[in-house]
Amino acid sequence: MPYKSKEIEKKYYSIGEVAAMFGVATSLIRFWETEFDSIKPLKNKKGNRIYTKDDIEDIKIIYHFVKEKGYTLQGAKEHLKLDKNKNLEKIEAIQSLEKVRNFLIDLKKNLE
C-alpha cells in the first residue's frame, strides 16, 4: 500500500508567525490581547507567547471586523460575543469568494 503523507498541523504558533499570518506588527497582536479577553496565549518557559488555533480564530475575527470592515474595537468585541462559529464561517466564505474572484479576473486577463 502506498504511503500517503499527512500534512503536519502545528498546535502552537509564535507571535511572529501569527503577526505574519495577518500582515500586522507583533505589537498590534499584543495590544489586541489587552483589549480582547478571548485572546489568552500560553507562555513557554522563556515567557514567549504561544498561540493556539482558538487564539488564531479569535484574531481572525478581530482582524476581519477591525481591519477589513472598519469596526471599532467595541464593535469587534460585540461580534466576538456572538456565535464564533457563525462569524468564522462567514469570514471563510468571504475569503473563498475573493480567491475565486481573483482567479477569474486573472483568467480573464490571460484570455484577452
N, C-alpha and C. Protein backbone atom coordinates (compact mmCIF):
# COMPACT_ATOMS: atom_id res chain seq x y z
N MET A 1 0.85 -1.18 0.00
CA MET A 1 0.00 0.00 0.00
C MET A 1 0.90 1.24 0.00
N PRO A 2 0.64 2.19 -0.91
CA PRO A 2 1.49 3.38 -0.99
C PRO A 2 1.32 4.27 0.24
N TYR A 3 2.42 4.91 0.59
CA TYR A 3 2.43 5.83 1.74
C TYR A 3 1.73 7.12 1.35
N LYS A 4 0.80 7.53 2.18
CA LYS A 4 0.12 8.80 1.96
C LYS A 4 0.60 9.77 3.03
N SER A 5 1.21 10.83 2.60
CA SER A 5 1.71 11.80 3.58
C SER A 5 0.54 12.61 4.13
N LYS A 6 0.59 12.81 5.41
CA LYS A 6 -0.40 13.65 6.06
C LYS A 6 0.25 14.98 6.36
N GLU A 7 -0.52 16.02 6.16
CA GLU A 7 0.00 17.35 6.45
C GLU A 7 0.12 17.49 7.96
N ILE A 8 1.28 17.89 8.41
CA ILE A 8 1.50 18.08 9.83
C ILE A 8 0.94 19.44 10.23
N GLU A 9 0.10 19.41 11.22
CA GLU A 9 -0.53 20.64 11.67
C GLU A 9 0.08 21.06 12.99
N LYS A 10 0.53 22.29 13.05
CA LYS A 10 1.13 22.80 14.27
C LYS A 10 0.04 23.02 15.32
N LYS A 11 0.42 22.83 16.58
CA LYS A 11 -0.51 23.11 17.67
C LYS A 11 -0.32 24.51 18.23
N TYR A 12 0.91 25.01 18.13
CA TYR A 12 1.23 26.30 18.71
C TYR A 12 2.00 27.16 17.72
N TYR A 13 1.77 28.45 17.78
CA TYR A 13 2.41 29.40 16.89
C TYR A 13 3.01 30.55 17.71
N SER A 14 4.14 31.06 17.27
CA SER A 14 4.76 32.19 17.94
C SER A 14 4.02 33.47 17.55
N ILE A 15 4.27 34.53 18.31
CA ILE A 15 3.63 35.81 18.00
C ILE A 15 4.08 36.31 16.63
N GLY A 16 5.34 36.04 16.26
CA GLY A 16 5.82 36.44 14.94
C GLY A 16 5.08 35.73 13.82
N GLU A 17 4.83 34.44 14.01
CA GLU A 17 4.09 33.68 12.99
C GLU A 17 2.66 34.18 12.87
N VAL A 18 2.04 34.47 14.00
CA VAL A 18 0.66 34.97 13.98
C VAL A 18 0.60 36.33 13.31
N ALA A 19 1.51 37.20 13.67
CA ALA A 19 1.54 38.53 13.05
C ALA A 19 1.74 38.42 11.54
N ALA A 20 2.61 37.51 11.11
CA ALA A 20 2.85 37.32 9.67
C ALA A 20 1.61 36.80 8.96
N MET A 21 0.83 35.94 9.62
CA MET A 21 -0.40 35.41 9.01
C MET A 21 -1.35 36.54 8.61
N PHE A 22 -1.36 37.59 9.43
CA PHE A 22 -2.31 38.68 9.20
C PHE A 22 -1.65 39.94 8.64
N GLY A 23 -0.34 39.89 8.46
CA GLY A 23 0.37 41.03 7.91
C GLY A 23 0.33 42.25 8.82
N VAL A 24 0.42 42.02 10.12
CA VAL A 24 0.40 43.12 11.09
C VAL A 24 1.64 43.03 11.98
N ALA A 25 1.88 44.07 12.74
CA ALA A 25 3.01 44.09 13.66
C ALA A 25 2.68 43.26 14.91
N THR A 26 3.72 42.71 15.50
CA THR A 26 3.52 41.93 16.74
C THR A 26 2.94 42.80 17.84
N SER A 27 3.25 44.09 17.82
CA SER A 27 2.72 45.00 18.85
C SER A 27 1.20 45.09 18.77
N LEU A 28 0.64 44.99 17.56
CA LEU A 28 -0.81 45.02 17.42
C LEU A 28 -1.43 43.76 18.03
N ILE A 29 -0.80 42.62 17.82
CA ILE A 29 -1.30 41.38 18.41
C ILE A 29 -1.27 41.50 19.93
N ARG A 30 -0.19 42.03 20.50
CA ARG A 30 -0.10 42.21 21.95
C ARG A 30 -1.16 43.18 22.44
N PHE A 31 -1.40 44.25 21.67
CA PHE A 31 -2.44 45.22 22.04
C PHE A 31 -3.81 44.55 22.06
N TRP A 32 -4.11 43.77 21.03
CA TRP A 32 -5.41 43.09 20.99
C TRP A 32 -5.57 42.14 22.17
N GLU A 33 -4.48 41.54 22.65
CA GLU A 33 -4.54 40.69 23.84
C GLU A 33 -5.08 41.46 25.03
N THR A 34 -4.66 42.72 25.16
CA THR A 34 -5.11 43.52 26.29
C THR A 34 -6.56 43.95 26.13
N GLU A 35 -7.01 44.07 24.91
CA GLU A 35 -8.37 44.55 24.63
C GLU A 35 -9.42 43.45 24.57
N PHE A 36 -9.02 42.25 24.19
CA PHE A 36 -9.96 41.15 23.99
C PHE A 36 -9.64 40.01 24.95
N ASP A 37 -10.59 39.71 25.83
CA ASP A 37 -10.39 38.66 26.84
C ASP A 37 -10.23 37.28 26.22
N SER A 38 -10.74 37.08 25.02
CA SER A 38 -10.71 35.75 24.41
C SER A 38 -9.32 35.35 23.92
N ILE A 39 -8.43 36.32 23.75
CA ILE A 39 -7.07 36.00 23.30
C ILE A 39 -6.20 35.84 24.54
N LYS A 40 -5.91 34.61 24.85
CA LYS A 40 -5.10 34.29 26.02
C LYS A 40 -4.01 33.31 25.64
N PRO A 41 -2.93 33.80 25.02
CA PRO A 41 -1.88 32.88 24.62
C PRO A 41 -1.18 32.28 25.85
N LEU A 42 -0.72 31.07 25.67
CA LEU A 42 0.07 30.43 26.70
C LEU A 42 1.46 31.04 26.63
N LYS A 43 2.25 30.80 27.65
CA LYS A 43 3.64 31.24 27.60
C LYS A 43 4.54 30.05 27.89
N ASN A 44 5.62 29.97 27.12
CA ASN A 44 6.57 28.86 27.33
C ASN A 44 7.50 29.19 28.49
N LYS A 45 8.46 28.33 28.74
CA LYS A 45 9.38 28.52 29.87
C LYS A 45 10.16 29.82 29.77
N LYS A 46 10.41 30.26 28.55
CA LYS A 46 11.15 31.51 28.34
C LYS A 46 10.25 32.74 28.48
N GLY A 47 8.94 32.52 28.57
CA GLY A 47 8.00 33.63 28.67
C GLY A 47 7.48 34.10 27.33
N ASN A 48 7.83 33.39 26.25
CA ASN A 48 7.35 33.75 24.91
C ASN A 48 5.90 33.30 24.75
N ARG A 49 5.13 34.12 24.09
CA ARG A 49 3.72 33.78 23.85
C ARG A 49 3.64 32.66 22.82
N ILE A 50 2.72 31.72 23.07
CA ILE A 50 2.44 30.68 22.08
C ILE A 50 0.92 30.61 21.91
N TYR A 51 0.50 30.72 20.67
CA TYR A 51 -0.91 30.83 20.32
C TYR A 51 -1.45 29.51 19.81
N THR A 52 -2.69 29.21 20.20
CA THR A 52 -3.37 28.01 19.74
C THR A 52 -4.26 28.36 18.55
N LYS A 53 -4.84 27.33 17.94
CA LYS A 53 -5.78 27.55 16.82
C LYS A 53 -6.96 28.42 17.27
N ASP A 54 -7.44 28.20 18.51
CA ASP A 54 -8.55 29.02 19.01
C ASP A 54 -8.17 30.49 19.10
N ASP A 55 -6.96 30.76 19.59
CA ASP A 55 -6.49 32.15 19.64
C ASP A 55 -6.46 32.75 18.25
N ILE A 56 -5.96 31.97 17.29
CA ILE A 56 -5.83 32.46 15.92
C ILE A 56 -7.21 32.69 15.30
N GLU A 57 -8.17 31.83 15.62
CA GLU A 57 -9.54 32.04 15.11
C GLU A 57 -10.12 33.34 15.65
N ASP A 58 -9.89 33.62 16.94
CA ASP A 58 -10.36 34.87 17.51
C ASP A 58 -9.67 36.07 16.86
N ILE A 59 -8.38 35.96 16.64
CA ILE A 59 -7.64 37.04 15.98
C ILE A 59 -8.16 37.23 14.56
N LYS A 60 -8.51 36.14 13.89
CA LYS A 60 -9.05 36.23 12.53
C LYS A 60 -10.36 37.03 12.52
N ILE A 61 -11.21 36.78 13.51
CA ILE A 61 -12.47 37.51 13.61
C ILE A 61 -12.20 38.98 13.90
N ILE A 62 -11.32 39.24 14.86
CA ILE A 62 -10.98 40.63 15.21
C ILE A 62 -10.39 41.35 14.00
N TYR A 63 -9.45 40.70 13.33
CA TYR A 63 -8.83 41.29 12.15
C TYR A 63 -9.88 41.64 11.10
N HIS A 64 -10.78 40.70 10.85
CA HIS A 64 -11.81 40.91 9.84
C HIS A 64 -12.65 42.15 10.16
N PHE A 65 -13.13 42.22 11.40
CA PHE A 65 -14.01 43.33 11.75
C PHE A 65 -13.28 44.66 11.90
N VAL A 66 -12.08 44.65 12.46
CA VAL A 66 -11.36 45.91 12.68
C VAL A 66 -10.64 46.38 11.43
N LYS A 67 -9.88 45.50 10.79
CA LYS A 67 -9.05 45.92 9.66
C LYS A 67 -9.78 45.90 8.32
N GLU A 68 -10.63 44.89 8.11
CA GLU A 68 -11.30 44.77 6.81
C GLU A 68 -12.63 45.51 6.76
N LYS A 69 -13.37 45.48 7.86
CA LYS A 69 -14.69 46.12 7.87
C LYS A 69 -14.69 47.51 8.50
N GLY A 70 -13.60 47.87 9.20
CA GLY A 70 -13.50 49.20 9.77
C GLY A 70 -14.27 49.39 11.07
N TYR A 71 -14.60 48.31 11.75
CA TYR A 71 -15.31 48.41 13.02
C TYR A 71 -14.39 48.99 14.10
N THR A 72 -15.01 49.56 15.11
CA THR A 72 -14.26 49.97 16.29
C THR A 72 -13.92 48.72 17.10
N LEU A 73 -13.04 48.87 18.07
CA LEU A 73 -12.72 47.73 18.93
C LEU A 73 -13.98 47.26 19.66
N GLN A 74 -14.81 48.20 20.09
CA GLN A 74 -16.05 47.83 20.78
C GLN A 74 -16.97 47.04 19.86
N GLY A 75 -17.07 47.46 18.61
CA GLY A 75 -17.89 46.72 17.64
C GLY A 75 -17.38 45.31 17.43
N ALA A 76 -16.07 45.17 17.35
CA ALA A 76 -15.48 43.84 17.18
C ALA A 76 -15.73 42.99 18.42
N LYS A 77 -15.67 43.60 19.60
CA LYS A 77 -15.94 42.87 20.85
C LYS A 77 -17.36 42.32 20.85
N GLU A 78 -18.30 43.13 20.39
CA GLU A 78 -19.70 42.68 20.34
C GLU A 78 -19.86 41.51 19.38
N HIS A 79 -19.18 41.56 18.26
CA HIS A 79 -19.27 40.45 17.31
C HIS A 79 -18.63 39.18 17.86
N LEU A 80 -17.57 39.32 18.63
CA LEU A 80 -16.94 38.15 19.23
C LEU A 80 -17.86 37.47 20.23
N LYS A 81 -18.73 38.27 20.86
CA LYS A 81 -19.67 37.70 21.83
C LYS A 81 -20.73 36.86 21.14
N LEU A 82 -21.01 37.18 19.88
CA LEU A 82 -21.98 36.42 19.11
C LEU A 82 -21.41 35.04 18.79
N ASP A 83 -22.11 34.29 18.04
CA ASP A 83 -21.70 32.92 17.69
C ASP A 83 -20.38 32.94 16.91
N LYS A 84 -19.33 32.46 17.55
CA LYS A 84 -17.99 32.46 16.96
C LYS A 84 -17.95 31.63 15.67
N ASN A 85 -18.57 30.46 15.69
CA ASN A 85 -18.55 29.59 14.51
C ASN A 85 -19.24 30.25 13.33
N LYS A 86 -20.33 30.95 13.59
CA LYS A 86 -21.06 31.63 12.52
C LYS A 86 -20.17 32.72 11.91
N ASN A 87 -19.48 33.49 12.77
CA ASN A 87 -18.59 34.53 12.27
C ASN A 87 -17.46 33.94 11.44
N LEU A 88 -16.86 32.85 11.92
CA LEU A 88 -15.76 32.21 11.19
C LEU A 88 -16.23 31.69 9.84
N GLU A 89 -17.41 31.08 9.80
CA GLU A 89 -17.94 30.56 8.54
C GLU A 89 -18.13 31.69 7.54
N LYS A 90 -18.66 32.82 8.00
CA LYS A 90 -18.87 33.97 7.12
C LYS A 90 -17.54 34.48 6.57
N ILE A 91 -16.57 34.63 7.47
CA ILE A 91 -15.27 35.16 7.07
C ILE A 91 -14.59 34.22 6.07
N GLU A 92 -14.64 32.92 6.34
CA GLU A 92 -14.02 31.95 5.44
C GLU A 92 -14.73 31.91 4.10
N ALA A 93 -16.06 32.08 4.10
CA ALA A 93 -16.82 32.12 2.83
C ALA A 93 -16.41 33.34 2.02
N ILE A 94 -16.27 34.48 2.69
CA ILE A 94 -15.86 35.71 2.01
C ILE A 94 -14.48 35.54 1.41
N GLN A 95 -13.55 34.95 2.19
CA GLN A 95 -12.19 34.75 1.69
C GLN A 95 -12.17 33.80 0.50
N SER A 96 -12.99 32.74 0.54
CA SER A 96 -13.06 31.81 -0.59
C SER A 96 -13.58 32.50 -1.83
N LEU A 97 -14.63 33.30 -1.66
CA LEU A 97 -15.19 34.02 -2.80
C LEU A 97 -14.20 35.02 -3.38
N GLU A 98 -13.42 35.67 -2.51
CA GLU A 98 -12.42 36.60 -3.01
C GLU A 98 -11.35 35.88 -3.81
N LYS A 99 -10.97 34.68 -3.38
CA LYS A 99 -9.98 33.89 -4.12
C LYS A 99 -10.52 33.51 -5.49
N VAL A 100 -11.78 33.08 -5.53
CA VAL A 100 -12.40 32.71 -6.80
C VAL A 100 -12.48 33.92 -7.71
N ARG A 101 -12.87 35.06 -7.15
CA ARG A 101 -12.98 36.28 -7.93
C ARG A 101 -11.62 36.65 -8.53
N ASN A 102 -10.57 36.61 -7.69
CA ASN A 102 -9.23 36.94 -8.19
C ASN A 102 -8.78 35.96 -9.27
N PHE A 103 -9.10 34.69 -9.09
CA PHE A 103 -8.76 33.68 -10.09
C PHE A 103 -9.46 34.00 -11.41
N LEU A 104 -10.74 34.34 -11.35
CA LEU A 104 -11.49 34.64 -12.56
C LEU A 104 -10.98 35.90 -13.25
N ILE A 105 -10.60 36.89 -12.45
CA ILE A 105 -10.02 38.11 -13.03
C ILE A 105 -8.72 37.80 -13.74
N ASP A 106 -7.86 36.99 -13.11
CA ASP A 106 -6.60 36.60 -13.74
C ASP A 106 -6.85 35.80 -15.01
N LEU A 107 -7.84 34.90 -14.97
CA LEU A 107 -8.18 34.09 -16.12
C LEU A 107 -8.64 34.99 -17.28
N LYS A 108 -9.47 35.95 -16.96
CA LYS A 108 -9.97 36.88 -17.99
C LYS A 108 -8.80 37.65 -18.62
N LYS A 109 -7.87 38.13 -17.78
CA LYS A 109 -6.71 38.86 -18.30
C LYS A 109 -5.88 38.00 -19.24
N ASN A 110 -5.72 36.72 -18.89
CA ASN A 110 -4.92 35.82 -19.71
C ASN A 110 -5.61 35.49 -21.03
N LEU A 111 -6.92 35.56 -21.05
CA LEU A 111 -7.65 35.26 -22.28
C LEU A 111 -7.70 36.45 -23.23
N GLU A 112 -7.48 37.62 -22.71
CA GLU A 112 -7.56 38.84 -23.57
C GLU A 112 -6.34 39.04 -24.38
